[in-house]
Amino acid sequence: MTESELLFATPDEVAQEIAYLVKQARIELNKTQKQFAEELGIPHATYRLFEQSGKSSFTNILKVLIKLGHKNLITNALEKNEIEKLGIDAFVKQSRKKQRTKVYPP
C-alpha cells in the first residue's frame, strides 16, 4: 500500500497492512508463527489471528513492534511533527540550516 493509499485507508485496512508487513519481517527472520509468538510471550492462536486479520490488542501490537525494533513508531506518531510545530516555511528553513551545519566524525 502506498503512502497516499494509506492516507485514505480505513483503520481495518491499515491494520491489515501492518499485519502483512509484520509477517514479512517475521519470515525474513526465518521464524515460524509459533516461534515468533513464543518469543513475544503471546499465544500462537492470538498471533496467527493478528497476521490473518490485523486484529490484536494494543499491548500485543506493541510487543511486536518492540521485538522488530520499532518501539519509537508509536511515540513518534503521537508527537506533533516538526512541520506542524513550526509551519512549513520555518521547517524548510530549519532543515536547510541543519544540513549545512552537520558535523561528521573524522
C-alpha atoms as a PDB file:
ATOM      1  CA  MET A   1       0.000   0.000   0.000  1.00  0.00           C
ATOM      2  CA  THR A   2       1.462   3.353  -0.982  1.00  0.00           C
ATOM      3  CA  GLU A   3       1.681   6.309   1.398  1.00  0.00           C
ATOM      4  CA  SER A   4      -1.132   8.115  -0.427  1.00  0.00           C
ATOM      5  CA  GLU A   5      -3.323   4.998  -0.274  1.00  0.00           C
ATOM      6  CA  LEU A   6      -2.720   4.808   3.478  1.00  0.00           C
ATOM      7  CA  LEU A   7      -3.995   8.370   3.877  1.00  0.00           C
ATOM      8  CA  PHE A   8      -7.416   7.279   2.638  1.00  0.00           C
ATOM      9  CA  ALA A   9      -7.445   3.775   4.102  1.00  0.00           C
ATOM     10  CA  THR A  10      -9.821   2.644   6.814  1.00  0.00           C
ATOM     11  CA  PRO A  11      -8.412   1.590  10.201  1.00  0.00           C
ATOM     12  CA  ASP A  12      -9.057  -2.063   9.272  1.00  0.00           C
ATOM     13  CA  GLU A  13      -7.116  -1.660   6.028  1.00  0.00           C
ATOM     14  CA  VAL A  14      -4.196  -0.048   7.850  1.00  0.00           C
ATOM     15  CA  ALA A  15      -4.236  -2.856  10.443  1.00  0.00           C
ATOM     16  CA  GLN A  16      -4.139  -5.458   7.667  1.00  0.00           C
ATOM     17  CA  GLU A  17      -1.229  -3.666   6.002  1.00  0.00           C
ATOM     18  CA  ILE A  18       0.679  -3.583   9.297  1.00  0.00           C
ATOM     19  CA  ALA A  19      -0.013  -7.293   9.816  1.00  0.00           C
ATOM     20  CA  TYR A  20       1.262  -8.035   6.308  1.00  0.00           C
ATOM     21  CA  LEU A  21       4.472  -6.070   6.931  1.00  0.00           C
ATOM     22  CA  VAL A  22       5.000  -7.805  10.281  1.00  0.00           C
ATOM     23  CA  LYS A  23       4.521 -11.175   8.596  1.00  0.00           C
ATOM     24  CA  GLN A  24       7.165 -10.276   6.008  1.00  0.00           C
ATOM     25  CA  ALA A  25       9.561  -9.218   8.784  1.00  0.00           C
ATOM     26  CA  ARG A  26       8.925 -12.481  10.661  1.00  0.00           C
ATOM     27  CA  ILE A  27       9.625 -14.500   7.517  1.00  0.00           C
ATOM     28  CA  GLU A  28      12.867 -12.565   6.953  1.00  0.00           C
ATOM     29  CA  LEU A  29      13.869 -13.556  10.490  1.00  0.00           C
ATOM     30  CA  ASN A  30      13.236 -17.170   9.449  1.00  0.00           C
ATOM     31  CA  LYS A  31      10.766 -17.689  12.319  1.00  0.00           C
ATOM     32  CA  THR A  32       7.554 -19.671  12.290  1.00  0.00           C
ATOM     33  CA  GLN A  33       4.418 -18.048  13.653  1.00  0.00           C
ATOM     34  CA  LYS A  34       4.678 -20.316  16.688  1.00  0.00           C
ATOM     35  CA  GLN A  35       8.334 -19.430  17.347  1.00  0.00           C
ATOM     36  CA  PHE A  36       7.671 -15.718  16.974  1.00  0.00           C
ATOM     37  CA  ALA A  37       4.600 -15.846  19.223  1.00  0.00           C
ATOM     38  CA  GLU A  38       6.590 -17.680  21.899  1.00  0.00           C
ATOM     39  CA  GLU A  39       9.326 -15.036  21.744  1.00  0.00           C
ATOM     40  CA  LEU A  40       6.657 -12.345  22.131  1.00  0.00           C
ATOM     41  CA  GLY A  41       5.051 -14.160  25.041  1.00  0.00           C
ATOM     42  CA  ILE A  42       1.632 -14.373  23.404  1.00  0.00           C
ATOM     43  CA  PRO A  43      -0.423 -17.411  22.412  1.00  0.00           C
ATOM     44  CA  HIS A  44       0.202 -18.781  18.926  1.00  0.00           C
ATOM     45  CA  ALA A  45      -3.513 -18.530  18.049  1.00  0.00           C
ATOM     46  CA  THR A  46      -3.523 -14.847  19.017  1.00  0.00           C
ATOM     47  CA  TYR A  47      -0.524 -14.130  16.820  1.00  0.00           C
ATOM     48  CA  ARG A  48      -1.939 -16.156  13.922  1.00  0.00           C
ATOM     49  CA  LEU A  49      -5.176 -14.134  14.089  1.00  0.00           C
ATOM     50  CA  PHE A  50      -3.146 -10.919  14.008  1.00  0.00           C
ATOM     51  CA  GLU A  51      -1.312 -11.962  10.838  1.00  0.00           C
ATOM     52  CA  GLN A  52      -4.571 -13.019   9.182  1.00  0.00           C
ATOM     53  CA  SER A  53      -6.756 -10.072  10.128  1.00  0.00           C
ATOM     54  CA  GLY A  54      -4.625  -7.332  11.654  1.00  0.00           C
ATOM     55  CA  LYS A  55      -6.694  -7.603  14.826  1.00  0.00           C
ATOM     56  CA  SER A  56      -4.916  -7.755  18.174  1.00  0.00           C
ATOM     57  CA  SER A  57      -4.684  -5.904  21.448  1.00  0.00           C
ATOM     58  CA  PHE A  58      -2.681  -2.716  21.544  1.00  0.00           C
ATOM     59  CA  THR A  59      -0.304  -4.352  24.020  1.00  0.00           C
ATOM     60  CA  ASN A  60       0.371  -7.262  21.657  1.00  0.00           C
ATOM     61  CA  ILE A  61       0.987  -4.922  18.738  1.00  0.00           C
ATOM     62  CA  LEU A  62       3.460  -3.001  20.909  1.00  0.00           C
ATOM     63  CA  LYS A  63       5.219  -6.280  21.746  1.00  0.00           C
ATOM     64  CA  VAL A  64       5.562  -6.990  18.024  1.00  0.00           C
ATOM     65  CA  LEU A  65       6.891  -3.502  17.238  1.00  0.00           C
ATOM     66  CA  ILE A  66       9.382  -3.639  20.106  1.00  0.00           C
ATOM     67  CA  LYS A  67      10.571  -7.106  19.038  1.00  0.00           C
ATOM     68  CA  LEU A  68      11.142  -5.798  15.500  1.00  0.00           C
ATOM     69  CA  GLY A  69      12.989  -2.728  16.788  1.00  0.00           C
ATOM     70  CA  HIS A  70      10.254  -0.173  16.078  1.00  0.00           C
ATOM     71  CA  LYS A  71       9.132   0.911  19.543  1.00  0.00           C
ATOM     72  CA  ASN A  72       9.584   4.575  18.625  1.00  0.00           C
ATOM     73  CA  LEU A  73       6.890   4.405  15.932  1.00  0.00           C
ATOM     74  CA  ILE A  74       4.023   4.890  18.365  1.00  0.00           C
ATOM     75  CA  THR A  75       5.595   7.685  20.383  1.00  0.00           C
ATOM     76  CA  ASN A  76       6.699   9.450  17.198  1.00  0.00           C
ATOM     77  CA  ALA A  77       3.213   9.131  15.755  1.00  0.00           C
ATOM     78  CA  LEU A  78       1.715  10.799  18.815  1.00  0.00           C
ATOM     79  CA  GLU A  79       4.083  13.761  18.836  1.00  0.00           C
ATOM     80  CA  LYS A  80       3.388  16.793  16.726  1.00  0.00           C
ATOM     81  CA  ASN A  81       5.749  16.676  13.823  1.00  0.00           C
ATOM     82  CA  GLU A  82       8.164  19.493  13.182  1.00  0.00           C
ATOM     83  CA  ILE A  83       6.125  20.831  10.260  1.00  0.00           C
ATOM     84  CA  GLU A  84       3.046  21.218  12.471  1.00  0.00           C
ATOM     85  CA  LYS A  85       5.088  22.870  15.223  1.00  0.00           C
ATOM     86  CA  LEU A  86       6.970  25.325  13.045  1.00  0.00           C
ATOM     87  CA  GLY A  87       4.909  25.750   9.910  1.00  0.00           C
ATOM     88  CA  ILE A  88       6.193  24.666   6.510  1.00  0.00           C
ATOM     89  CA  ASP A  89       8.330  27.747   5.761  1.00  0.00           C
ATOM     90  CA  ALA A  90      10.150  27.657   9.100  1.00  0.00           C
ATOM     91  CA  PHE A  91      10.595  23.875   8.812  1.00  0.00           C
ATOM     92  CA  VAL A  92      12.236  24.154   5.384  1.00  0.00           C
ATOM     93  CA  LYS A  93      14.489  26.973   6.590  1.00  0.00           C
ATOM     94  CA  GLN A  94      15.500  24.987   9.701  1.00  0.00           C
ATOM     95  CA  SER A  95      16.110  21.815   7.649  1.00  0.00           C
ATOM     96  CA  ARG A  96      18.434  23.657   5.265  1.00  0.00           C
ATOM     97  CA  LYS A  97      20.311  25.157   8.198  1.00  0.00           C
ATOM     98  CA  LYS A  98      20.749  21.716   9.820  1.00  0.00           C
ATOM     99  CA  GLN A  99      22.103  20.266   6.572  1.00  0.00           C
ATOM    100  CA  ARG A 100      24.758  22.963   6.342  1.00  0.00           C
ATOM    101  CA  THR A 101      25.858  22.660   9.979  1.00  0.00           C
ATOM    102  CA  LYS A 102      26.170  18.861  10.233  1.00  0.00           C
ATOM    103  CA  VAL A 103      29.483  17.781  11.684  1.00  0.00           C
ATOM    104  CA  TYR A 104      30.745  14.388  10.658  1.00  0.00           C
ATOM    105  CA  PRO A 105      33.175  12.426  12.794  1.00  0.00           C
ATOM    106  CA  PRO A 106      36.723  12.117  11.414  1.00  0.00           C
END
